[in-house]
Protein backbone atom coordinates (compact mmCIF):
# COMPACT_ATOMS: atom_id res chain seq x y z
CA MET A 1 5.84 -24.66 -26.52
CA ASN A 2 3.85 -24.60 -29.77
CA TYR A 3 5.13 -22.81 -32.84
CA ILE A 4 3.57 -21.66 -36.08
CA VAL A 5 5.85 -22.14 -39.06
CA LYS A 6 5.28 -19.95 -42.14
CA TRP A 7 6.90 -20.06 -45.54
CA MET A 8 7.95 -16.51 -46.44
CA SER A 9 10.17 -15.50 -49.37
CA GLY A 10 11.86 -18.88 -49.68
CA ILE A 11 12.53 -19.46 -45.96
CA PHE A 12 10.61 -20.96 -43.08
CA ILE A 13 9.96 -18.60 -40.18
CA ALA A 14 8.81 -19.90 -36.78
CA PHE A 15 6.56 -17.85 -34.49
CA MET A 16 5.42 -18.67 -30.99
CA ALA A 17 1.83 -19.85 -31.28
CA VAL A 18 -0.54 -17.51 -29.50
CA PRO A 19 -2.37 -19.52 -26.85
CA THR A 20 -5.79 -18.57 -25.63
CA LEU A 21 -4.97 -16.98 -22.30
CA TYR A 22 -7.61 -15.87 -19.87
CA ALA A 23 -7.73 -12.72 -17.76
CA GLN A 24 -9.77 -14.64 -15.22
CA ALA A 25 -8.91 -17.81 -13.39
CA PRO A 26 -11.41 -20.66 -13.73
CA GLY A 27 -12.68 -19.76 -10.23
CA GLY A 28 -13.39 -16.13 -11.13
CA TYR A 29 -11.70 -12.78 -11.25
CA THR A 30 -8.31 -12.62 -9.54
CA LEU A 31 -7.22 -9.52 -7.66
CA ASN A 32 -4.66 -7.00 -8.96
CA PRO A 33 -2.92 -3.94 -7.52
CA GLY A 34 -5.34 -1.00 -7.61
CA ASP A 35 -8.51 -3.04 -7.10
CA GLU A 36 -10.87 -1.69 -4.42
CA LEU A 37 -12.40 -4.12 -1.93
CA HIS A 38 -15.01 -3.98 0.80
CA ILE A 39 -14.26 -6.58 3.47
CA SER A 40 -16.62 -7.25 6.35
CA VAL A 41 -16.90 -9.77 9.16
CA TRP A 42 -20.46 -10.63 10.19
CA ARG A 43 -21.41 -9.19 13.60
CA GLU A 44 -18.09 -7.33 13.89
CA GLU A 45 -18.75 -3.67 12.97
CA THR A 46 -15.12 -2.70 13.62
CA LEU A 47 -14.04 -5.19 10.95
CA ASP A 48 -15.95 -3.55 8.10
CA LYS A 49 -13.29 -1.95 5.89
CA GLN A 50 -12.75 -0.48 2.43
CA VAL A 51 -9.27 -1.40 1.19
CA ILE A 52 -7.24 -0.91 -1.98
CA VAL A 53 -4.79 -3.54 -3.17
CA LEU A 54 -1.41 -1.81 -2.89
CA PRO A 55 1.18 -1.76 -5.72
CA ASP A 56 3.09 -4.55 -3.95
CA GLY A 57 -0.05 -6.75 -4.10
CA ASN A 58 -0.86 -6.58 -0.39
CA ILE A 59 -3.74 -5.33 1.71
CA THR A 60 -3.81 -4.68 5.45
CA PHE A 61 -6.69 -5.85 7.61
CA PRO A 62 -7.23 -5.40 11.37
CA LEU A 63 -6.11 -8.23 13.68
CA ILE A 64 -4.18 -10.04 10.94
CA GLY A 65 -1.97 -7.41 9.30
CA SER A 66 -0.69 -7.68 5.75
CA ILE A 67 -2.04 -10.23 3.25
CA SER A 68 -0.73 -10.86 -0.27
CA VAL A 69 -3.79 -10.97 -2.53
CA VAL A 70 -2.60 -10.73 -6.15
CA GLY A 71 -3.87 -13.72 -8.12
CA VAL A 72 -6.39 -14.61 -5.39
CA THR A 73 -10.15 -14.61 -6.01
CA GLY A 74 -12.59 -12.87 -3.68
CA THR A 75 -13.81 -16.24 -2.39
CA GLU A 76 -10.24 -17.40 -1.70
CA LEU A 77 -9.54 -14.15 0.18
CA GLU A 78 -12.63 -14.73 2.35
CA GLU A 79 -11.22 -18.14 3.32
CA ILE A 80 -7.73 -16.73 4.01
CA ILE A 81 -9.11 -14.03 6.30
CA GLU A 82 -11.41 -16.50 8.10
CA GLN A 83 -8.43 -18.81 8.76
CA ARG A 84 -6.25 -15.97 10.06
CA LEU A 85 -9.04 -14.67 12.32
CA GLU A 86 -9.85 -18.14 13.71
CA SER A 87 -7.81 -17.69 16.91
CA GLN A 88 -9.50 -14.37 17.79
CA ILE A 89 -12.95 -14.84 16.22
CA PRO A 90 -13.91 -18.52 15.92
CA ASP A 91 -16.28 -19.29 13.03
CA ALA A 92 -15.91 -15.79 11.55
CA GLU A 93 -17.98 -15.21 8.42
CA VAL A 94 -16.10 -12.94 6.05
CA THR A 95 -17.49 -11.26 2.95
CA VAL A 96 -15.27 -9.74 0.26
CA LEU A 97 -16.90 -7.50 -2.32
CA ILE A 98 -14.88 -6.22 -5.26
CA ASN A 99 -16.03 -2.62 -5.64
CA SER A 100 -13.83 -1.77 -8.61
CA VAL A 101 -11.41 -3.56 -10.88
CA ASN A 102 -9.13 -0.57 -11.36
CA GLY A 103 -6.14 -2.89 -11.21
CA ASN A 104 -7.34 -4.84 -14.26
CA ARG A 105 -5.53 -2.53 -16.70
CA VAL A 106 -3.84 -3.02 -20.01
CA PHE A 107 -1.73 -0.51 -21.89
CA VAL A 108 -1.55 0.35 -25.58
CA ILE A 109 1.49 2.19 -26.90
CA GLY A 110 2.71 3.14 -30.33
CA LYS A 111 0.90 4.04 -33.51
CA VAL A 112 -2.72 4.06 -32.44
CA LEU A 113 -5.07 7.05 -32.36
CA ARG A 114 -5.43 7.12 -28.54
CA PRO A 115 -2.58 5.33 -26.73
CA GLY A 116 -2.93 4.89 -22.99
CA GLU A 117 -4.20 2.63 -20.25
CA PHE A 118 -7.56 0.90 -20.38
CA ILE A 119 -9.48 -0.81 -17.58
CA MET A 120 -10.87 -4.20 -18.58
CA SER A 121 -14.27 -4.69 -16.99
CA SER A 122 -14.53 -8.07 -18.74
CA GLU A 123 -12.27 -10.35 -20.77
CA MET A 124 -10.81 -8.46 -23.72
CA THR A 125 -8.96 -9.47 -26.84
CA VAL A 126 -6.18 -7.50 -28.50
CA ALA A 127 -8.62 -6.40 -31.22
CA GLN A 128 -11.05 -5.07 -28.61
CA VAL A 129 -8.44 -3.01 -26.77
CA LEU A 130 -7.10 -1.67 -30.09
CA SER A 131 -10.65 -0.57 -30.82
CA LEU A 132 -10.75 1.29 -27.49
CA ALA A 133 -7.49 2.95 -28.53
CA GLY A 134 -9.19 4.26 -31.66
CA GLY A 135 -7.59 1.73 -34.00
CA LEU A 136 -4.27 1.85 -35.77
CA ASP A 137 -3.05 5.10 -37.28
CA ARG A 138 -2.18 5.16 -40.97
CA PHE A 139 1.56 4.62 -40.33
CA ALA A 140 1.15 1.55 -38.09
CA ASP A 141 2.58 -1.83 -39.06
CA GLY A 142 -0.36 -4.15 -38.37
CA ASN A 143 1.80 -7.21 -39.16
CA SER A 144 4.19 -6.57 -36.27
CA ILE A 145 2.03 -5.92 -33.20
CA LYS A 146 3.37 -7.50 -30.02
CA VAL A 147 1.86 -8.13 -26.61
CA GLN A 148 4.32 -7.83 -23.73
CA ARG A 149 3.48 -9.86 -20.62
CA SER A 150 5.44 -9.87 -17.35
CA GLU A 151 5.01 -12.86 -15.04
CA GLY A 152 7.21 -13.82 -12.14
CA GLY A 153 9.99 -11.44 -13.18
CA ARG A 154 10.04 -12.83 -16.72
CA VAL A 155 8.93 -10.88 -19.79
CA THR A 156 7.33 -12.71 -22.72
CA TYR A 157 6.31 -11.30 -26.10
CA PHE A 158 3.48 -12.65 -28.24
CA GLU A 159 3.00 -11.82 -31.92
CA TYR A 160 -0.34 -10.45 -33.12
CA ASN A 161 -1.13 -9.84 -36.78
CA TYR A 162 -3.89 -7.25 -37.10
CA ASP A 163 -3.79 -7.45 -40.90
CA ASP A 164 -4.66 -11.17 -40.67
CA LEU A 165 -7.64 -10.26 -38.50
CA LEU A 166 -8.90 -7.75 -41.08
CA ALA A 167 -8.44 -10.30 -43.88
CA GLY A 168 -10.11 -13.12 -41.90
CA ARG A 169 -6.95 -15.27 -41.86
CA ASN A 170 -5.55 -17.27 -38.92
CA MET A 171 -8.69 -16.59 -36.90
CA ASP A 172 -7.72 -19.23 -34.31
CA THR A 173 -4.94 -16.92 -33.05
CA MET A 174 -7.03 -13.73 -33.08
CA GLY A 175 -8.88 -14.52 -29.83
CA PHE A 176 -5.83 -13.77 -27.68
CA ILE A 177 -7.19 -12.76 -24.26
CA LEU A 178 -5.29 -10.03 -22.44
CA ARG A 179 -4.30 -10.14 -18.77
CA ALA A 180 -3.89 -7.29 -16.31
CA GLY A 181 -0.61 -5.49 -16.94
CA ASP A 182 -0.22 -6.55 -20.56
CA VAL A 183 1.21 -3.97 -22.93
CA VAL A 184 0.10 -3.94 -26.58
CA ILE A 185 2.89 -2.47 -28.70
CA VAL A 186 1.97 -1.13 -32.14
CA PRO A 187 5.05 -0.21 -34.23
């Protein structure tokens, strides 16, 4: 784990370095609960379905039942469905279209002008989502913003200094990319 050490008022203070984290996997967008999909199997009209990724991260598809899809790309899901259909439909050609990325949400709470949830239609930084939230209100502490991320049952907090962004300092840590489910907390 990398740390940033700062000298403040006669003492050294260590902060977790903010890595550049991507909302998308190198292979493309990964699915999240709430995303809407259109799945079709070529030459099989009964296997042409609109599905929504459920809160538990699963979808249900005819002939194969429930499939866990969170963190899977559309292309990977095509391959999974083709493999599971192989015994009933040899050489099935599956197409997965992502109709909406409603599951790609982040949340902003605290002292901003418009707190709430925001759908990320592309990669977004903390500064960009704070802009969508109308910016900080006049009582906000821009030095103490945190991003809460839950992964695998573990919650991690990352520091974000909005005042540094405005002053043009520490720009290498300002490109922090949000992931679906992140919560930006503005005290």
